[in-house]
Amino acid sequence: MRERDLGRDPLSEAELAALFRGRDPRQFLNSRNALYRERGMKDNPPSPAETIRLMAAEPNLIRRPLAVRGGEIVIGYDEDGFERLLRTRR
């Protein structure tokens, strides 16, 4: 497993677009983030493209932990999801 500190080494817009390809990036927004609350994103979510732009500029908007293996992504504290990733052979 490889760890990446998104505060020190944030994901670029291109990396985020590739990571969320085929998924709605809005489902990966951190609802506890101040910017999320200030902008009222729960009731007025940004477009997918704007979400990616905002996440690249403000990495704390990305819900964590975030684990990726192959094409599968697990976000938040999803113990079952993490166990599934660990059992999956690549």
N, C-alpha and C. Protein backbone atom coordinates (compact mmCIF):
# COMPACT_ATOMS: atom_id res chain seq x y z
N MET A 1 0.84 -1.17 0.00
CA MET A 1 0.00 0.00 0.00
C MET A 1 0.90 1.24 0.00
N ARG A 2 0.49 2.21 -0.74
CA ARG A 2 1.23 3.46 -0.84
C ARG A 2 0.37 4.57 -0.24
N GLU A 3 0.96 5.40 0.59
CA GLU A 3 0.24 6.49 1.23
C GLU A 3 0.63 7.80 0.55
N ARG A 4 -0.36 8.69 0.45
CA ARG A 4 -0.09 10.00 -0.14
C ARG A 4 -0.74 11.07 0.73
N ASP A 5 0.04 12.01 1.18
CA ASP A 5 -0.46 13.12 1.98
C ASP A 5 -1.00 14.17 1.02
N LEU A 6 -2.31 14.26 0.92
CA LEU A 6 -2.93 15.16 -0.05
C LEU A 6 -2.73 16.63 0.31
N GLY A 7 -2.42 16.91 1.56
CA GLY A 7 -2.12 18.28 1.94
C GLY A 7 -0.79 18.74 1.38
N ARG A 8 0.18 17.84 1.39
CA ARG A 8 1.53 18.17 0.89
C ARG A 8 1.69 17.87 -0.60
N ASP A 9 0.94 16.91 -1.07
CA ASP A 9 1.05 16.47 -2.46
C ASP A 9 -0.35 16.28 -3.03
N PRO A 10 -1.07 17.39 -3.26
CA PRO A 10 -2.46 17.28 -3.71
C PRO A 10 -2.60 16.63 -5.09
N LEU A 11 -3.75 16.05 -5.31
CA LEU A 11 -4.06 15.47 -6.61
C LEU A 11 -4.36 16.60 -7.59
N SER A 12 -3.89 16.45 -8.80
CA SER A 12 -4.18 17.43 -9.86
C SER A 12 -5.58 17.19 -10.40
N GLU A 13 -6.07 18.14 -11.16
CA GLU A 13 -7.38 17.96 -11.80
C GLU A 13 -7.37 16.74 -12.70
N ALA A 14 -6.28 16.52 -13.42
CA ALA A 14 -6.18 15.35 -14.31
C ALA A 14 -6.21 14.06 -13.51
N GLU A 15 -5.50 14.02 -12.38
CA GLU A 15 -5.49 12.82 -11.54
C GLU A 15 -6.88 12.56 -10.96
N LEU A 16 -7.54 13.62 -10.51
CA LEU A 16 -8.89 13.47 -9.97
C LEU A 16 -9.86 12.99 -11.04
N ALA A 17 -9.78 13.57 -12.23
CA ALA A 17 -10.66 13.15 -13.33
C ALA A 17 -10.45 11.67 -13.65
N ALA A 18 -9.21 11.23 -13.67
CA ALA A 18 -8.92 9.81 -13.95
C ALA A 18 -9.42 8.93 -12.80
N LEU A 19 -9.22 9.38 -11.57
CA LEU A 19 -9.63 8.62 -10.40
C LEU A 19 -11.14 8.42 -10.38
N PHE A 20 -11.88 9.46 -10.71
CA PHE A 20 -13.34 9.41 -10.63
C PHE A 20 -14.01 9.08 -11.96
N ARG A 21 -13.24 8.71 -12.97
CA ARG A 21 -13.79 8.40 -14.29
C ARG A 21 -14.93 7.38 -14.14
N GLY A 22 -16.07 7.72 -14.70
CA GLY A 22 -17.23 6.83 -14.63
C GLY A 22 -18.00 6.93 -13.32
N ARG A 23 -17.56 7.83 -12.44
CA ARG A 23 -18.23 8.03 -11.16
C ARG A 23 -18.54 9.52 -11.00
N ASP A 24 -19.51 9.83 -10.17
CA ASP A 24 -19.82 11.22 -9.89
C ASP A 24 -18.90 11.69 -8.77
N PRO A 25 -17.98 12.62 -9.03
CA PRO A 25 -17.04 13.04 -8.00
C PRO A 25 -17.71 13.69 -6.79
N ARG A 26 -18.95 14.12 -6.96
CA ARG A 26 -19.65 14.76 -5.84
C ARG A 26 -19.89 13.79 -4.69
N GLN A 27 -19.91 12.49 -4.99
CA GLN A 27 -20.11 11.51 -3.92
C GLN A 27 -18.86 11.39 -3.04
N PHE A 28 -17.76 11.99 -3.47
CA PHE A 28 -16.50 11.94 -2.73
C PHE A 28 -16.23 13.24 -1.97
N LEU A 29 -17.20 14.16 -1.96
CA LEU A 29 -17.04 15.42 -1.23
C LEU A 29 -17.12 15.20 0.27
N ASN A 30 -16.28 15.90 0.99
CA ASN A 30 -16.24 15.85 2.45
C ASN A 30 -17.25 16.86 2.99
N SER A 31 -18.37 16.38 3.49
CA SER A 31 -19.43 17.27 3.97
C SER A 31 -19.05 17.98 5.27
N ARG A 32 -17.96 17.58 5.90
CA ARG A 32 -17.50 18.25 7.13
C ARG A 32 -16.57 19.43 6.84
N ASN A 33 -16.20 19.60 5.60
CA ASN A 33 -15.30 20.69 5.22
C ASN A 33 -16.03 22.03 5.28
N ALA A 34 -15.32 23.06 5.76
CA ALA A 34 -15.92 24.40 5.90
C ALA A 34 -16.40 24.95 4.56
N LEU A 35 -15.61 24.79 3.50
CA LEU A 35 -16.01 25.30 2.18
C LEU A 35 -17.30 24.61 1.71
N TYR A 36 -17.41 23.33 1.97
CA TYR A 36 -18.62 22.58 1.61
C TYR A 36 -19.84 23.22 2.28
N ARG A 37 -19.71 23.51 3.55
CA ARG A 37 -20.83 24.10 4.30
C ARG A 37 -21.07 25.55 3.88
N GLU A 38 -19.99 26.34 3.73
CA GLU A 38 -20.13 27.75 3.36
C GLU A 38 -20.84 27.92 2.03
N ARG A 39 -20.54 27.05 1.10
CA ARG A 39 -21.15 27.14 -0.24
C ARG A 39 -22.48 26.41 -0.34
N GLY A 40 -22.92 25.79 0.74
CA GLY A 40 -24.20 25.09 0.74
C GLY A 40 -24.25 23.97 -0.29
N MET A 41 -23.15 23.22 -0.40
CA MET A 41 -23.05 22.19 -1.44
C MET A 41 -24.04 21.04 -1.25
N LYS A 42 -24.53 20.86 -0.05
CA LYS A 42 -25.52 19.79 0.16
C LYS A 42 -26.78 20.08 -0.65
N ASP A 43 -27.25 21.32 -0.58
CA ASP A 43 -28.48 21.70 -1.27
C ASP A 43 -28.24 22.21 -2.68
N ASN A 44 -27.03 22.68 -2.94
CA ASN A 44 -26.71 23.23 -4.25
C ASN A 44 -25.34 22.71 -4.67
N PRO A 45 -25.26 21.42 -5.03
CA PRO A 45 -23.95 20.84 -5.37
C PRO A 45 -23.37 21.43 -6.65
N PRO A 46 -22.04 21.52 -6.69
CA PRO A 46 -21.39 22.00 -7.92
C PRO A 46 -21.49 20.94 -9.01
N SER A 47 -21.23 21.34 -10.22
CA SER A 47 -21.19 20.36 -11.32
C SER A 47 -20.03 19.41 -11.09
N PRO A 48 -20.03 18.25 -11.74
CA PRO A 48 -18.88 17.34 -11.60
C PRO A 48 -17.54 18.00 -11.96
N ALA A 49 -17.52 18.78 -13.03
CA ALA A 49 -16.27 19.44 -13.43
C ALA A 49 -15.83 20.46 -12.38
N GLU A 50 -16.78 21.21 -11.83
CA GLU A 50 -16.46 22.19 -10.80
C GLU A 50 -16.01 21.48 -9.53
N THR A 51 -16.60 20.35 -9.23
CA THR A 51 -16.20 19.57 -8.06
C THR A 51 -14.73 19.18 -8.16
N ILE A 52 -14.33 18.70 -9.31
CA ILE A 52 -12.93 18.30 -9.52
C ILE A 52 -12.01 19.51 -9.39
N ARG A 53 -12.40 20.63 -9.97
CA ARG A 53 -11.59 21.85 -9.86
C ARG A 53 -11.44 22.27 -8.40
N LEU A 54 -12.53 22.24 -7.65
CA LEU A 54 -12.50 22.63 -6.24
C LEU A 54 -11.66 21.67 -5.41
N MET A 55 -11.77 20.37 -5.69
CA MET A 55 -10.98 19.38 -4.95
C MET A 55 -9.49 19.55 -5.21
N ALA A 56 -9.13 19.90 -6.42
CA ALA A 56 -7.71 20.11 -6.75
C ALA A 56 -7.18 21.33 -6.00
N ALA A 57 -8.01 22.36 -5.86
CA ALA A 57 -7.60 23.58 -5.18
C ALA A 57 -7.65 23.43 -3.66
N GLU A 58 -8.59 22.63 -3.17
CA GLU A 58 -8.81 22.45 -1.73
C GLU A 58 -8.91 20.96 -1.42
N PRO A 59 -7.77 20.28 -1.23
CA PRO A 59 -7.78 18.83 -1.03
C PRO A 59 -8.61 18.35 0.16
N ASN A 60 -8.85 19.23 1.14
CA ASN A 60 -9.67 18.82 2.27
C ASN A 60 -11.14 18.63 1.90
N LEU A 61 -11.51 18.99 0.69
CA LEU A 61 -12.86 18.71 0.20
C LEU A 61 -13.05 17.24 -0.16
N ILE A 62 -11.95 16.49 -0.26
CA ILE A 62 -12.03 15.07 -0.62
C ILE A 62 -12.24 14.27 0.65
N ARG A 63 -13.31 13.48 0.66
CA ARG A 63 -13.59 12.63 1.81
C ARG A 63 -12.49 11.59 1.95
N ARG A 64 -12.08 11.33 3.19
CA ARG A 64 -11.00 10.39 3.46
C ARG A 64 -11.36 9.48 4.61
N PRO A 65 -10.66 8.41 4.77
CA PRO A 65 -9.59 7.93 3.91
C PRO A 65 -10.12 7.52 2.54
N LEU A 66 -9.24 7.49 1.60
CA LEU A 66 -9.54 7.14 0.22
C LEU A 66 -8.54 6.06 -0.18
N ALA A 67 -9.05 4.90 -0.53
CA ALA A 67 -8.18 3.80 -0.94
C ALA A 67 -8.59 3.34 -2.34
N VAL A 68 -7.59 3.06 -3.16
CA VAL A 68 -7.82 2.65 -4.54
C VAL A 68 -7.03 1.38 -4.80
N ARG A 69 -7.68 0.43 -5.43
CA ARG A 69 -6.99 -0.78 -5.90
C ARG A 69 -7.63 -1.17 -7.22
N GLY A 70 -6.84 -1.11 -8.25
CA GLY A 70 -7.39 -1.36 -9.58
C GLY A 70 -8.45 -0.31 -9.87
N GLY A 71 -9.63 -0.73 -10.24
CA GLY A 71 -10.71 0.19 -10.54
C GLY A 71 -11.66 0.41 -9.38
N GLU A 72 -11.35 -0.15 -8.22
CA GLU A 72 -12.24 -0.02 -7.08
C GLU A 72 -11.75 1.07 -6.14
N ILE A 73 -12.69 1.86 -5.64
CA ILE A 73 -12.40 2.94 -4.71
C ILE A 73 -13.24 2.75 -3.46
N VAL A 74 -12.61 2.92 -2.31
CA VAL A 74 -13.32 2.90 -1.04
C VAL A 74 -13.05 4.23 -0.37
N ILE A 75 -14.13 4.88 0.09
CA ILE A 75 -13.97 6.17 0.75
C ILE A 75 -14.60 6.14 2.13
N GLY A 76 -14.09 6.99 2.99
CA GLY A 76 -14.62 7.07 4.34
C GLY A 76 -14.22 5.85 5.15
N TYR A 77 -14.79 5.74 6.31
CA TYR A 77 -14.45 4.63 7.20
C TYR A 77 -15.38 3.46 6.92
N ASP A 78 -15.11 2.78 5.83
CA ASP A 78 -15.89 1.63 5.36
C ASP A 78 -15.05 0.38 5.59
N GLU A 79 -15.18 -0.21 6.78
CA GLU A 79 -14.36 -1.37 7.14
C GLU A 79 -14.55 -2.52 6.16
N ASP A 80 -15.79 -2.79 5.79
CA ASP A 80 -16.05 -3.88 4.85
C ASP A 80 -15.38 -3.61 3.50
N GLY A 81 -15.45 -2.37 3.05
CA GLY A 81 -14.82 -2.00 1.78
C GLY A 81 -13.32 -2.17 1.82
N PHE A 82 -12.69 -1.77 2.92
CA PHE A 82 -11.24 -1.92 3.04
C PHE A 82 -10.85 -3.40 3.11
N GLU A 83 -11.62 -4.19 3.83
CA GLU A 83 -11.33 -5.62 3.90
C GLU A 83 -11.45 -6.26 2.52
N ARG A 84 -12.46 -5.84 1.76
CA ARG A 84 -12.65 -6.35 0.40
C ARG A 84 -11.45 -6.00 -0.48
N LEU A 85 -10.95 -4.76 -0.35
CA LEU A 85 -9.78 -4.35 -1.13
C LEU A 85 -8.56 -5.19 -0.76
N LEU A 86 -8.38 -5.46 0.51
CA LEU A 86 -7.23 -6.24 0.96
C LEU A 86 -7.30 -7.69 0.49
N ARG A 87 -8.51 -8.24 0.37
CA ARG A 87 -8.68 -9.63 -0.07
C ARG A 87 -8.59 -9.79 -1.59
N THR A 88 -8.88 -8.70 -2.31
CA THR A 88 -8.90 -8.76 -3.77
C THR A 88 -7.49 -8.94 -4.30
N ARG A 89 -7.33 -9.92 -5.15
CA ARG A 89 -6.03 -10.11 -5.81
C ARG A 89 -5.99 -9.23 -7.03
N ARG A 90 -4.88 -8.69 -7.29
CA ARG A 90 -4.71 -7.81 -8.43
C ARG A 90 -4.26 -8.54 -9.64
